[in-house]
Amino acid sequence: WRRIELTYADGCKIVLDGDNADSSAPFIEGPLGKLYPGMKSDIPDLEKKLAAFPDPKPQLTSFPDAVKTRQKFALNEQNGFRSCTLVNLAIIAVRLGRSLKFDPDTLSFIGDEGANRLIHQPMRAPFTL
């Protein structure tokens, strides 16, 4: 594994550093500042800004209770899907050894059929969908 930077259209970056080569690197970097391990940040008045947000609605954090009551679990499938997508994008970039551009609406790489083939790999027999 190696260091991967995922950059959003607005400039926000997520750094996956498998080598831990740069212990001073931020976890998340955006146009207004950086967030480091331990919730340290260079964003002015971050604590005041966070305090200004309303408290989030209570979420069900017990998966067995979510199943029993058929209520949405806090770590729901949409959050899981987006998190896994980021990791899979990084894996494809590492395998191909190059930077890639991804369209989150179409869930495909822009102008790169080689990378797109790695998204929808054929299944091995006897498995089918």
Foldseek 3Di string as FASTA:
>chain_A
DAWDWDADPQGKIAIDGPPCPDQPDFRIAGPQWGAHPPRDIPRPPPVVVVVPDDDDDDAAQDVVVCVVVVHAHPCHPVVVVVVVLVVVQRVLCVVVVHDWAADPVVRATPPDVPSRCVVDPDDDPPDDD
